[in-house]
N, C-alpha and C. Protein backbone atom coordinates (compact mmCIF):
# COMPACT_ATOMS: atom_id res chain seq x y z
N MET A 1 23.67 -33.87 119.38
CA MET A 1 24.51 -35.06 119.56
C MET A 1 25.95 -34.69 119.23
N ASN A 2 26.82 -34.74 120.23
CA ASN A 2 28.21 -34.36 120.03
C ASN A 2 28.99 -35.46 119.31
N SER A 3 29.86 -35.07 118.39
CA SER A 3 30.71 -36.04 117.71
C SER A 3 31.64 -36.71 118.72
N LYS A 4 31.83 -38.02 118.56
CA LYS A 4 32.80 -38.73 119.40
C LYS A 4 34.20 -38.60 118.84
N TYR A 5 34.29 -38.49 117.53
CA TYR A 5 35.59 -38.40 116.86
C TYR A 5 35.49 -37.33 115.79
N LYS A 6 36.58 -36.66 115.55
CA LYS A 6 36.62 -35.61 114.53
C LYS A 6 37.84 -35.84 113.64
N MET A 7 37.70 -36.80 112.75
CA MET A 7 38.78 -37.16 111.85
C MET A 7 38.63 -36.47 110.51
N SER A 8 39.72 -36.34 109.79
CA SER A 8 39.60 -35.96 108.39
C SER A 8 39.04 -37.16 107.64
N LYS A 9 38.47 -36.90 106.48
CA LYS A 9 37.94 -37.99 105.66
C LYS A 9 39.03 -39.00 105.34
N GLU A 10 40.21 -38.52 105.03
CA GLU A 10 41.33 -39.42 104.68
C GLU A 10 41.72 -40.29 105.87
N ASP A 11 41.78 -39.70 107.07
CA ASP A 11 42.11 -40.48 108.27
C ASP A 11 41.02 -41.49 108.58
N ASN A 12 39.78 -41.09 108.35
CA ASN A 12 38.67 -42.00 108.62
C ASN A 12 38.68 -43.18 107.65
N ILE A 13 39.02 -42.93 106.38
CA ILE A 13 39.15 -44.02 105.41
C ILE A 13 40.26 -44.99 105.86
N PHE A 14 41.39 -44.43 106.28
CA PHE A 14 42.50 -45.27 106.75
C PHE A 14 42.06 -46.11 107.95
N PHE A 15 41.35 -45.48 108.90
CA PHE A 15 40.87 -46.19 110.08
C PHE A 15 39.90 -47.31 109.68
N ALA A 16 38.98 -47.01 108.77
CA ALA A 16 38.00 -48.01 108.34
C ALA A 16 38.69 -49.21 107.69
N LYS A 17 39.71 -48.95 106.90
CA LYS A 17 40.45 -50.05 106.27
C LYS A 17 41.15 -50.91 107.31
N ARG A 18 41.70 -50.26 108.35
CA ARG A 18 42.37 -51.01 109.41
C ARG A 18 41.38 -51.87 110.21
N LYS A 19 40.13 -51.42 110.29
CA LYS A 19 39.11 -52.13 111.08
C LYS A 19 38.16 -52.94 110.20
N LEU A 20 38.53 -53.15 108.96
CA LEU A 20 37.62 -53.75 108.00
C LEU A 20 37.21 -55.17 108.40
N VAL A 21 38.15 -56.00 108.78
CA VAL A 21 37.82 -57.38 109.17
C VAL A 21 36.87 -57.38 110.36
N ASP A 22 37.15 -56.52 111.33
CA ASP A 22 36.31 -56.44 112.52
C ASP A 22 34.89 -56.02 112.17
N ASN A 23 34.77 -55.05 111.28
CA ASN A 23 33.43 -54.57 110.92
C ASN A 23 32.66 -55.63 110.14
N ILE A 24 33.32 -56.31 109.22
CA ILE A 24 32.65 -57.36 108.46
C ILE A 24 32.23 -58.50 109.38
N TYR A 25 33.10 -58.87 110.31
CA TYR A 25 32.78 -59.91 111.30
C TYR A 25 31.54 -59.53 112.11
N LYS A 26 31.48 -58.29 112.58
CA LYS A 26 30.34 -57.84 113.39
C LYS A 26 29.08 -57.73 112.54
N SER A 27 29.20 -57.18 111.35
CA SER A 27 28.04 -57.03 110.47
C SER A 27 27.46 -58.38 110.08
N ALA A 28 28.32 -59.34 109.80
CA ALA A 28 27.86 -60.68 109.45
C ALA A 28 27.08 -61.31 110.60
N ASN A 29 27.63 -61.22 111.80
CA ASN A 29 26.97 -61.83 112.96
C ASN A 29 25.67 -61.12 113.31
N LEU A 30 25.61 -59.81 113.10
CA LEU A 30 24.37 -59.08 113.35
C LEU A 30 23.26 -59.60 112.46
N GLU A 31 23.59 -60.04 111.26
CA GLU A 31 22.61 -60.56 110.30
C GLU A 31 22.39 -62.07 110.48
N GLY A 32 23.02 -62.66 111.50
CA GLY A 32 22.83 -64.08 111.77
C GLY A 32 23.76 -65.00 111.01
N ILE A 33 24.83 -64.45 110.44
CA ILE A 33 25.84 -65.25 109.75
C ILE A 33 26.91 -65.62 110.79
N ALA A 34 26.86 -66.84 111.28
CA ALA A 34 27.67 -67.23 112.43
C ALA A 34 29.09 -67.61 112.00
N VAL A 35 29.95 -66.61 111.90
CA VAL A 35 31.35 -66.84 111.58
C VAL A 35 32.21 -66.27 112.71
N THR A 36 33.36 -66.88 112.93
CA THR A 36 34.28 -66.39 113.95
C THR A 36 35.15 -65.28 113.37
N PHE A 37 35.78 -64.53 114.26
CA PHE A 37 36.70 -63.50 113.80
C PHE A 37 37.86 -64.14 113.05
N ALA A 38 38.36 -65.27 113.56
CA ALA A 38 39.51 -65.93 112.93
C ALA A 38 39.17 -66.38 111.51
N ASP A 39 37.97 -66.95 111.34
CA ASP A 39 37.57 -67.39 110.00
C ASP A 39 37.34 -66.20 109.08
N THR A 40 36.79 -65.12 109.62
CA THR A 40 36.60 -63.91 108.81
C THR A 40 37.94 -63.36 108.38
N TYR A 41 38.90 -63.32 109.29
CA TYR A 41 40.24 -62.82 108.97
C TYR A 41 40.88 -63.69 107.89
N SER A 42 40.76 -64.99 108.02
CA SER A 42 41.34 -65.90 107.03
C SER A 42 40.69 -65.69 105.67
N PHE A 43 39.36 -65.57 105.66
CA PHE A 43 38.65 -65.35 104.40
C PHE A 43 39.12 -64.07 103.72
N MET A 44 39.27 -63.01 104.50
CA MET A 44 39.69 -61.73 103.93
C MET A 44 41.11 -61.80 103.38
N ASN A 45 41.86 -62.79 103.82
CA ASN A 45 43.22 -62.98 103.32
C ASN A 45 43.30 -64.16 102.36
N ASN A 46 42.13 -64.53 101.81
CA ASN A 46 42.04 -65.56 100.76
C ASN A 46 42.50 -66.94 101.23
N VAL A 47 42.24 -67.22 102.51
CA VAL A 47 42.56 -68.53 103.06
C VAL A 47 41.25 -69.23 103.42
N ASN A 48 41.03 -70.42 102.91
CA ASN A 48 39.83 -71.19 103.19
C ASN A 48 40.11 -72.15 104.34
N THR A 49 39.53 -71.87 105.50
CA THR A 49 39.75 -72.72 106.68
C THR A 49 38.92 -73.99 106.64
N GLY A 50 37.91 -74.02 105.76
CA GLY A 50 37.01 -75.16 105.72
C GLY A 50 35.91 -75.10 106.75
N HIS A 51 35.86 -73.99 107.52
CA HIS A 51 34.86 -73.87 108.58
C HIS A 51 33.65 -73.04 108.14
N ILE A 52 33.70 -72.46 106.95
CA ILE A 52 32.64 -71.57 106.50
C ILE A 52 31.88 -72.24 105.35
N SER A 53 30.56 -72.25 105.44
CA SER A 53 29.74 -72.84 104.38
C SER A 53 29.84 -72.00 103.11
N ILE A 54 29.48 -72.60 101.99
CA ILE A 54 29.49 -71.88 100.71
C ILE A 54 28.58 -70.66 100.78
N ASP A 55 27.39 -70.83 101.35
CA ASP A 55 26.45 -69.71 101.46
C ASP A 55 27.05 -68.56 102.26
N ASP A 56 27.69 -68.89 103.38
CA ASP A 56 28.28 -67.84 104.21
C ASP A 56 29.50 -67.21 103.54
N MET A 57 30.23 -67.99 102.78
CA MET A 57 31.35 -67.42 102.03
C MET A 57 30.86 -66.39 101.01
N LEU A 58 29.73 -66.68 100.36
CA LEU A 58 29.16 -65.74 99.41
C LEU A 58 28.71 -64.46 100.11
N LYS A 59 28.17 -64.60 101.32
CA LYS A 59 27.75 -63.42 102.07
C LYS A 59 28.94 -62.59 102.52
N LEU A 60 30.01 -63.26 102.93
CA LEU A 60 31.22 -62.53 103.30
C LEU A 60 31.82 -61.82 102.09
N LYS A 61 31.79 -62.50 100.95
CA LYS A 61 32.31 -61.86 99.73
C LYS A 61 31.47 -60.63 99.38
N GLY A 62 30.14 -60.74 99.57
CA GLY A 62 29.29 -59.59 99.33
C GLY A 62 29.64 -58.42 100.22
N LEU A 63 29.93 -58.68 101.48
CA LEU A 63 30.34 -57.62 102.39
C LEU A 63 31.68 -57.03 101.98
N LYS A 64 32.61 -57.89 101.61
CA LYS A 64 33.93 -57.43 101.18
C LYS A 64 33.81 -56.54 99.94
N ASP A 65 33.05 -57.00 98.94
CA ASP A 65 32.88 -56.22 97.71
C ASP A 65 32.15 -54.91 97.99
N SER A 66 31.18 -54.95 98.89
CA SER A 66 30.42 -53.75 99.22
C SER A 66 31.30 -52.70 99.89
N TRP A 67 32.15 -53.14 100.79
CA TRP A 67 33.07 -52.21 101.44
C TRP A 67 34.01 -51.58 100.42
N GLU A 68 34.48 -52.38 99.49
CA GLU A 68 35.35 -51.84 98.44
C GLU A 68 34.60 -50.78 97.64
N TYR A 69 33.34 -51.07 97.33
CA TYR A 69 32.53 -50.10 96.57
C TYR A 69 32.33 -48.83 97.38
N VAL A 70 31.99 -48.96 98.65
CA VAL A 70 31.76 -47.80 99.50
C VAL A 70 33.01 -46.93 99.61
N LEU A 71 34.15 -47.55 99.83
CA LEU A 71 35.38 -46.79 99.99
C LEU A 71 35.79 -46.08 98.70
N ASN A 72 35.32 -46.59 97.58
CA ASN A 72 35.60 -45.94 96.29
C ASN A 72 34.56 -44.89 95.91
N THR A 73 33.48 -44.80 96.69
CA THR A 73 32.39 -43.87 96.34
C THR A 73 31.99 -43.02 97.54
N ILE A 74 32.92 -42.78 98.45
CA ILE A 74 32.63 -42.03 99.67
C ILE A 74 31.96 -40.69 99.36
N ASP A 75 32.39 -40.02 98.33
CA ASP A 75 31.90 -38.67 98.03
C ASP A 75 30.60 -38.66 97.22
N ASP A 76 30.12 -39.83 96.81
CA ASP A 76 28.87 -39.86 96.06
C ASP A 76 27.70 -39.43 96.95
N ASP A 77 26.71 -38.79 96.34
CA ASP A 77 25.51 -38.42 97.07
C ASP A 77 24.77 -39.68 97.52
N LEU A 78 24.17 -39.60 98.70
CA LEU A 78 23.37 -40.71 99.19
C LEU A 78 21.96 -40.59 98.63
N THR A 79 21.58 -41.54 97.80
CA THR A 79 20.27 -41.56 97.16
C THR A 79 19.66 -42.96 97.32
N ILE A 80 18.41 -43.09 96.98
CA ILE A 80 17.76 -44.40 97.00
C ILE A 80 18.46 -45.34 96.02
N ASP A 81 18.86 -44.83 94.86
CA ASP A 81 19.57 -45.66 93.89
C ASP A 81 20.90 -46.15 94.46
N TYR A 82 21.57 -45.30 95.24
CA TYR A 82 22.84 -45.74 95.87
C TYR A 82 22.56 -46.87 96.86
N ILE A 83 21.51 -46.73 97.64
CA ILE A 83 21.15 -47.78 98.60
C ILE A 83 20.86 -49.09 97.87
N LYS A 84 20.15 -49.00 96.75
CA LYS A 84 19.86 -50.20 95.95
C LYS A 84 21.15 -50.83 95.42
N LYS A 85 22.11 -50.00 95.03
CA LYS A 85 23.39 -50.51 94.54
C LYS A 85 24.13 -51.26 95.64
N ILE A 86 24.07 -50.76 96.85
CA ILE A 86 24.70 -51.47 97.97
C ILE A 86 24.04 -52.83 98.17
N HIS A 87 22.72 -52.89 98.07
CA HIS A 87 22.04 -54.18 98.19
C HIS A 87 22.50 -55.14 97.10
N PHE A 88 22.64 -54.63 95.89
CA PHE A 88 23.11 -55.48 94.78
C PHE A 88 24.49 -56.05 95.11
N GLU A 89 25.41 -55.21 95.57
CA GLU A 89 26.77 -55.66 95.87
C GLU A 89 26.78 -56.66 97.02
N ILE A 90 25.96 -56.43 98.02
CA ILE A 90 25.94 -57.30 99.20
C ILE A 90 25.37 -58.68 98.88
N CYS A 91 24.34 -58.72 98.05
CA CYS A 91 23.58 -59.96 97.87
C CYS A 91 23.79 -60.67 96.53
N LYS A 92 24.64 -60.13 95.67
CA LYS A 92 24.84 -60.76 94.37
C LYS A 92 25.37 -62.18 94.54
N GLY A 93 24.88 -63.08 93.68
CA GLY A 93 25.31 -64.47 93.72
C GLY A 93 24.67 -65.29 94.82
N GLN A 94 23.68 -64.74 95.54
CA GLN A 94 23.09 -65.42 96.69
C GLN A 94 21.64 -65.84 96.48
N ASN A 95 21.21 -65.86 95.23
CA ASN A 95 19.87 -66.32 94.89
C ASN A 95 18.79 -65.51 95.60
N ILE A 96 19.00 -64.20 95.68
CA ILE A 96 18.03 -63.29 96.30
C ILE A 96 17.38 -62.46 95.20
N GLN A 97 16.06 -62.52 95.15
CA GLN A 97 15.30 -61.77 94.15
C GLN A 97 14.14 -61.03 94.83
N PRO A 98 13.91 -59.78 94.45
CA PRO A 98 14.68 -59.00 93.49
C PRO A 98 16.02 -58.55 94.06
N LEU A 99 17.02 -58.53 93.22
CA LEU A 99 18.37 -58.16 93.62
C LEU A 99 18.61 -56.70 93.27
N GLY A 100 19.01 -55.91 94.26
CA GLY A 100 19.25 -54.50 94.02
C GLY A 100 17.96 -53.72 93.79
N ASP A 101 16.86 -54.25 94.29
CA ASP A 101 15.58 -53.56 94.15
C ASP A 101 14.70 -53.92 95.35
N PHE A 102 13.63 -53.14 95.54
CA PHE A 102 12.77 -53.32 96.69
C PHE A 102 12.03 -54.65 96.64
N ARG A 103 11.76 -55.17 97.81
CA ARG A 103 10.97 -56.42 97.89
C ARG A 103 9.56 -56.17 97.37
N ASP A 104 8.95 -57.25 96.89
CA ASP A 104 7.59 -57.15 96.34
C ASP A 104 6.62 -58.04 97.10
N LYS A 105 7.00 -58.42 98.31
CA LYS A 105 6.13 -59.25 99.15
C LYS A 105 6.39 -58.90 100.61
N GLY A 106 5.47 -59.33 101.48
CA GLY A 106 5.61 -59.06 102.90
C GLY A 106 6.71 -59.89 103.54
N VAL A 107 7.19 -59.42 104.69
CA VAL A 107 8.22 -60.15 105.44
C VAL A 107 7.84 -60.18 106.91
N GLY A 108 8.29 -61.23 107.59
CA GLY A 108 8.13 -61.33 109.03
C GLY A 108 9.42 -60.95 109.73
N ILE A 109 9.31 -60.51 110.97
CA ILE A 109 10.47 -60.10 111.76
C ILE A 109 10.57 -61.00 112.98
N THR A 110 11.70 -61.66 113.15
CA THR A 110 11.90 -62.53 114.30
C THR A 110 11.79 -61.73 115.60
N GLY A 111 11.00 -62.23 116.53
CA GLY A 111 10.91 -61.61 117.85
C GLY A 111 9.77 -60.63 118.02
N THR A 112 8.97 -60.41 116.97
CA THR A 112 7.86 -59.47 117.07
C THR A 112 6.79 -59.82 116.05
N SER A 113 5.55 -59.45 116.37
CA SER A 113 4.45 -59.63 115.43
C SER A 113 4.31 -58.42 114.51
N TRP A 114 5.09 -57.36 114.77
CA TRP A 114 5.04 -56.16 113.92
C TRP A 114 5.48 -56.50 112.50
N ARG A 115 4.84 -55.90 111.52
CA ARG A 115 5.17 -56.13 110.12
C ARG A 115 5.40 -54.79 109.42
N PRO A 116 6.51 -54.67 108.69
CA PRO A 116 6.75 -53.43 107.95
C PRO A 116 5.84 -53.32 106.75
N LYS A 117 5.59 -52.08 106.33
CA LYS A 117 4.79 -51.86 105.13
C LYS A 117 5.53 -52.37 103.90
N LEU A 118 4.78 -52.64 102.86
CA LEU A 118 5.40 -52.94 101.57
C LEU A 118 6.06 -51.66 101.04
N PRO A 119 7.18 -51.79 100.34
CA PRO A 119 7.80 -50.61 99.74
C PRO A 119 6.86 -49.82 98.85
N SER A 120 5.94 -50.51 98.18
CA SER A 120 4.99 -49.81 97.31
C SER A 120 4.06 -48.90 98.09
N GLU A 121 3.98 -49.11 99.41
CA GLU A 121 3.14 -48.27 100.27
C GLU A 121 3.93 -47.13 100.92
N CYS A 122 5.23 -47.06 100.62
CA CYS A 122 6.11 -46.09 101.27
C CYS A 122 6.64 -45.07 100.27
N ASP A 123 7.11 -43.96 100.79
CA ASP A 123 7.76 -42.94 99.97
C ASP A 123 9.18 -42.76 100.50
N TYR A 124 10.05 -43.70 100.12
CA TYR A 124 11.41 -43.68 100.65
C TYR A 124 12.17 -42.42 100.23
N GLU A 125 11.87 -41.91 99.06
CA GLU A 125 12.55 -40.69 98.60
C GLU A 125 12.32 -39.54 99.58
N SER A 126 11.07 -39.34 99.97
CA SER A 126 10.75 -38.27 100.90
C SER A 126 11.32 -38.53 102.28
N GLU A 127 11.27 -39.79 102.72
CA GLU A 127 11.80 -40.13 104.03
C GLU A 127 13.31 -39.89 104.08
N LEU A 128 14.01 -40.28 103.02
CA LEU A 128 15.45 -40.06 102.97
C LEU A 128 15.77 -38.57 102.92
N LYS A 129 15.00 -37.83 102.15
CA LYS A 129 15.22 -36.38 102.07
C LYS A 129 15.09 -35.73 103.43
N GLU A 130 14.11 -36.17 104.20
CA GLU A 130 13.91 -35.62 105.54
C GLU A 130 15.08 -35.95 106.46
N ILE A 131 15.56 -37.19 106.37
CA ILE A 131 16.70 -37.59 107.20
C ILE A 131 17.95 -36.81 106.81
N LEU A 132 18.17 -36.62 105.53
CA LEU A 132 19.36 -35.90 105.07
C LEU A 132 19.32 -34.42 105.44
N SER A 133 18.17 -33.94 105.85
CA SER A 133 18.07 -32.55 106.29
C SER A 133 18.54 -32.36 107.73
N ILE A 134 18.79 -33.45 108.45
CA ILE A 134 19.31 -33.37 109.82
C ILE A 134 20.71 -32.76 109.77
N GLU A 135 20.93 -31.67 110.45
CA GLU A 135 22.19 -30.94 110.33
C GLU A 135 23.35 -31.64 111.05
N ASN A 136 23.07 -32.24 112.19
CA ASN A 136 24.12 -32.91 112.96
C ASN A 136 24.57 -34.17 112.23
N ASN A 137 25.86 -34.24 111.88
CA ASN A 137 26.34 -35.35 111.05
C ASN A 137 26.16 -36.70 111.71
N LEU A 138 26.54 -36.83 112.98
CA LEU A 138 26.46 -38.13 113.65
C LEU A 138 25.01 -38.55 113.85
N ASP A 139 24.18 -37.61 114.25
CA ASP A 139 22.75 -37.89 114.41
C ASP A 139 22.16 -38.39 113.09
N ARG A 140 22.53 -37.75 112.00
CA ARG A 140 22.02 -38.13 110.68
C ARG A 140 22.47 -39.54 110.31
N CYS A 141 23.74 -39.86 110.56
CA CYS A 141 24.27 -41.18 110.21
C CYS A 141 23.59 -42.29 111.01
N ILE A 142 23.42 -42.07 112.31
CA ILE A 142 22.77 -43.07 113.15
C ILE A 142 21.31 -43.24 112.74
N THR A 143 20.65 -42.15 112.40
CA THR A 143 19.27 -42.22 111.96
C THR A 143 19.15 -43.03 110.67
N ILE A 144 20.07 -42.83 109.74
CA ILE A 144 20.09 -43.62 108.50
C ILE A 144 20.23 -45.10 108.81
N PHE A 145 21.14 -45.44 109.72
CA PHE A 145 21.39 -46.82 110.13
C PHE A 145 20.09 -47.47 110.64
N CYS A 146 19.37 -46.75 111.49
CA CYS A 146 18.14 -47.28 112.07
C CYS A 146 17.00 -47.34 111.04
N TRP A 147 16.87 -46.28 110.26
CA TRP A 147 15.76 -46.18 109.30
C TRP A 147 15.80 -47.30 108.26
N ILE A 148 16.95 -47.60 107.73
CA ILE A 148 17.04 -48.66 106.71
C ILE A 148 16.64 -50.00 107.31
N GLN A 149 17.02 -50.24 108.56
CA GLN A 149 16.65 -51.51 109.18
C GLN A 149 15.13 -51.61 109.39
N ARG A 150 14.52 -50.54 109.87
CA ARG A 150 13.08 -50.59 110.12
C ARG A 150 12.28 -50.62 108.82
N SER A 151 12.79 -49.97 107.80
CA SER A 151 12.07 -49.93 106.52
C SER A 151 11.97 -51.31 105.89
N GLN A 152 13.00 -52.17 106.13
CA GLN A 152 13.00 -53.50 105.53
C GLN A 152 12.71 -53.42 104.03
N MET A 153 13.49 -52.60 103.33
CA MET A 153 13.28 -52.37 101.91
C MET A 153 13.45 -53.63 101.07
N PHE A 154 14.33 -54.52 101.53
CA PHE A 154 14.73 -55.66 100.71
C PHE A 154 14.33 -56.98 101.37
N LEU A 155 14.27 -58.04 100.58
CA LEU A 155 13.89 -59.33 101.14
C LEU A 155 14.93 -59.89 102.09
N ASP A 156 16.18 -59.53 101.88
CA ASP A 156 17.25 -60.02 102.74
C ASP A 156 18.38 -58.99 102.74
N GLY A 157 19.17 -59.00 103.81
CA GLY A 157 20.36 -58.16 103.85
C GLY A 157 20.16 -56.75 104.35
N ASN A 158 19.01 -56.45 104.95
CA ASN A 158 18.72 -55.07 105.34
C ASN A 158 19.70 -54.53 106.38
N LYS A 159 20.10 -55.35 107.34
CA LYS A 159 21.04 -54.88 108.37
C LYS A 159 22.42 -54.65 107.76
N ARG A 160 22.82 -55.50 106.83
CA ARG A 160 24.10 -55.29 106.16
C ARG A 160 24.08 -54.02 105.31
N VAL A 161 22.98 -53.81 104.61
CA VAL A 161 22.85 -52.58 103.82
C VAL A 161 22.90 -51.36 104.74
N ALA A 162 22.17 -51.42 105.85
CA ALA A 162 22.16 -50.30 106.80
C ALA A 162 23.56 -50.00 107.30
N ASN A 163 24.32 -51.04 107.62
CA ASN A 163 25.68 -50.86 108.11
C ASN A 163 26.58 -50.20 107.08
N LEU A 164 26.51 -50.67 105.85
CA LEU A 164 27.38 -50.12 104.80
C LEU A 164 27.01 -48.69 104.47
N VAL A 165 25.72 -48.41 104.33
CA VAL A 165 25.29 -47.06 103.96
C VAL A 165 25.60 -46.07 105.08
N ALA A 166 25.33 -46.45 106.32
CA ALA A 166 25.64 -45.57 107.44
C ALA A 166 27.13 -45.30 107.54
N ASN A 167 27.94 -46.34 107.32
CA ASN A 167 29.39 -46.16 107.41
C ASN A 167 29.92 -45.29 106.29
N LYS A 168 29.32 -45.36 105.11
CA LYS A 168 29.72 -44.45 104.03
C LYS A 168 29.61 -43.00 104.51
N GLU A 169 28.47 -42.67 105.11
CA GLU A 169 28.25 -41.31 105.57
C GLU A 169 29.11 -40.99 106.80
N MET A 170 29.29 -41.94 107.69
CA MET A 170 30.16 -41.73 108.85
C MET A 170 31.57 -41.35 108.40
N ILE A 171 32.11 -42.12 107.46
CA ILE A 171 33.48 -41.89 106.99
C ILE A 171 33.57 -40.57 106.23
N LYS A 172 32.57 -40.29 105.42
CA LYS A 172 32.57 -39.05 104.62
C LYS A 172 32.71 -37.82 105.50
N TYR A 173 32.11 -37.87 106.69
CA TYR A 173 32.11 -36.71 107.56
C TYR A 173 33.04 -36.86 108.78
N GLY A 174 33.92 -37.87 108.75
CA GLY A 174 34.93 -38.01 109.78
C GLY A 174 34.39 -38.37 111.15
N GLU A 175 33.27 -39.12 111.17
CA GLU A 175 32.62 -39.45 112.44
C GLU A 175 33.03 -40.82 112.99
N GLY A 176 33.97 -41.50 112.34
CA GLY A 176 34.36 -42.83 112.79
C GLY A 176 33.62 -43.91 112.02
N THR A 177 33.37 -45.03 112.68
CA THR A 177 32.60 -46.11 112.07
C THR A 177 31.54 -46.58 113.05
N ILE A 178 30.56 -47.30 112.52
CA ILE A 178 29.46 -47.80 113.34
C ILE A 178 29.34 -49.31 113.17
N SER A 179 29.28 -50.02 114.29
CA SER A 179 29.09 -51.47 114.27
C SER A 179 28.61 -51.92 115.65
N VAL A 180 27.81 -52.96 115.68
CA VAL A 180 27.27 -53.47 116.93
C VAL A 180 28.22 -54.52 117.51
N PRO A 181 28.74 -54.33 118.73
CA PRO A 181 29.63 -55.32 119.33
C PRO A 181 28.96 -56.69 119.44
N ILE A 182 29.74 -57.73 119.20
CA ILE A 182 29.19 -59.09 119.23
C ILE A 182 28.53 -59.41 120.56
N ASP A 183 29.16 -59.01 121.66
CA ASP A 183 28.62 -59.36 122.98
C ASP A 183 27.40 -58.52 123.37
N LYS A 184 27.01 -57.58 122.52
CA LYS A 184 25.84 -56.74 122.81
C LYS A 184 24.73 -56.92 121.77
N ILE A 185 24.85 -57.93 120.91
CA ILE A 185 23.84 -58.12 119.87
C ILE A 185 22.46 -58.37 120.48
N GLY A 186 22.39 -59.19 121.53
CA GLY A 186 21.10 -59.47 122.17
C GLY A 186 20.46 -58.20 122.71
N GLU A 187 21.26 -57.39 123.39
CA GLU A 187 20.77 -56.12 123.94
C GLU A 187 20.35 -55.18 122.81
N TYR A 188 21.12 -55.20 121.74
CA TYR A 188 20.78 -54.36 120.60
C TYR A 188 19.43 -54.75 120.02
N PHE A 189 19.18 -56.04 119.84
CA PHE A 189 17.93 -56.48 119.26
C PHE A 189 16.74 -56.11 120.14
N THR A 190 16.92 -56.14 121.45
CA THR A 190 15.85 -55.70 122.35
C THR A 190 15.47 -54.25 122.06
N ASN A 191 16.47 -53.40 121.91
CA ASN A 191 16.22 -51.99 121.61
C ASN A 191 15.68 -51.81 120.19
N LEU A 192 16.18 -52.61 119.26
CA LEU A 192 15.74 -52.51 117.87
C LEU A 192 14.27 -52.90 117.73
N ILE A 193 13.86 -53.97 118.38
CA ILE A 193 12.47 -54.41 118.30
C ILE A 193 11.54 -53.37 118.92
N HIS A 194 11.99 -52.74 120.00
CA HIS A 194 11.20 -51.65 120.58
C HIS A 194 10.99 -50.54 119.55
N TYR A 195 12.03 -50.21 118.81
CA TYR A 195 11.92 -49.20 117.76
C TYR A 195 11.00 -49.66 116.65
N TYR A 196 11.12 -50.92 116.23
CA TYR A 196 10.22 -51.45 115.21
C TYR A 196 8.76 -51.26 115.63
N GLU A 197 8.46 -51.64 116.86
CA GLU A 197 7.07 -51.71 117.30
C GLU A 197 6.48 -50.34 117.63
N THR A 198 7.31 -49.39 118.03
CA THR A 198 6.81 -48.09 118.50
C THR A 198 7.18 -46.92 117.60
N ASP A 199 8.17 -47.10 116.73
CA ASP A 199 8.72 -46.01 115.92
C ASP A 199 9.34 -44.93 116.81
N GLU A 200 9.67 -45.29 118.04
CA GLU A 200 10.32 -44.36 118.97
C GLU A 200 11.82 -44.56 118.82
N LEU A 201 12.50 -43.56 118.28
CA LEU A 201 13.87 -43.74 117.82
C LEU A 201 14.92 -43.27 118.82
N GLU A 202 14.59 -42.33 119.69
CA GLU A 202 15.62 -41.66 120.48
C GLU A 202 16.38 -42.61 121.40
N SER A 203 15.69 -43.55 122.04
CA SER A 203 16.39 -44.46 122.96
C SER A 203 17.34 -45.39 122.21
N LEU A 204 16.96 -45.81 121.00
CA LEU A 204 17.85 -46.65 120.20
C LEU A 204 19.06 -45.85 119.75
N LYS A 205 18.85 -44.61 119.31
CA LYS A 205 19.98 -43.77 118.90
C LYS A 205 20.95 -43.55 120.05
N GLU A 206 20.41 -43.34 121.24
CA GLU A 206 21.27 -43.14 122.41
C GLU A 206 22.08 -44.40 122.70
N TRP A 207 21.44 -45.56 122.59
CA TRP A 207 22.15 -46.83 122.84
C TRP A 207 23.27 -47.01 121.81
N ILE A 208 22.97 -46.75 120.55
CA ILE A 208 23.99 -46.87 119.50
C ILE A 208 25.13 -45.90 119.75
N TYR A 209 24.80 -44.68 120.12
CA TYR A 209 25.81 -43.66 120.41
C TYR A 209 26.76 -44.14 121.51
N ASN A 210 26.20 -44.78 122.53
CA ASN A 210 27.01 -45.20 123.69
C ASN A 210 27.78 -46.48 123.45
N ASN A 211 27.36 -47.30 122.49
CA ASN A 211 27.93 -48.65 122.36
C ASN A 211 28.56 -48.99 121.02
N CYS A 212 28.24 -48.24 119.96
CA CYS A 212 28.54 -48.74 118.62
C CYS A 212 29.44 -47.84 117.76
N ILE A 213 29.91 -46.73 118.31
CA ILE A 213 30.71 -45.79 117.52
C ILE A 213 32.19 -45.96 117.87
N ASP A 214 33.01 -46.10 116.84
CA ASP A 214 34.44 -46.34 117.05
C ASP A 214 35.25 -45.37 116.18
N GLY A 215 36.43 -45.02 116.64
CA GLY A 215 37.28 -44.13 115.89
C GLY A 215 38.54 -43.79 116.66
N ILE A 216 39.27 -42.80 116.18
CA ILE A 216 40.50 -42.37 116.84
C ILE A 216 40.51 -40.84 116.90
């Protein structure tokens, strides 16, 4: 998988900061948080338009705080504990339990009868180690993005966690940023559900490569 962008880490951090509102807007909508770009922009600039519910404001704040954490820890090793920390930052104050830890009950997935295993039945440490052994930086980052979503480690916020963790690694290696365009969310979910049900990853990675990578 050829890199689309070859930035220095510093340039990639600068780019990510410039695109921060756009990424939070897209990440929120991917998780079903229906906010407009204008309202997201206003929120990020500490302006309350009155159009965002308290619950959605807390979710946006979680994304904002998580991005701040990621940008301050770009060089940290990617571990299961780091992923749990991102979940804590994303979901704090939102009445989600367990917070910053794996779910302890089953979950359903909209659009499919497929059900993910319980975390207690999985070995995420080994799975992550295998993914981190992928030599191609962009391939590894996209695989992380997909794997966290399919694993459904947490009761809520899995797509937001996947976005933040994947972007940490994208920025660290100068690969740009990853986000699903708003007008392609439906198409993305079709591909994502296929991956959920079949564990066939290559077609989803190709779709993400063609539609979701941004940079300079």
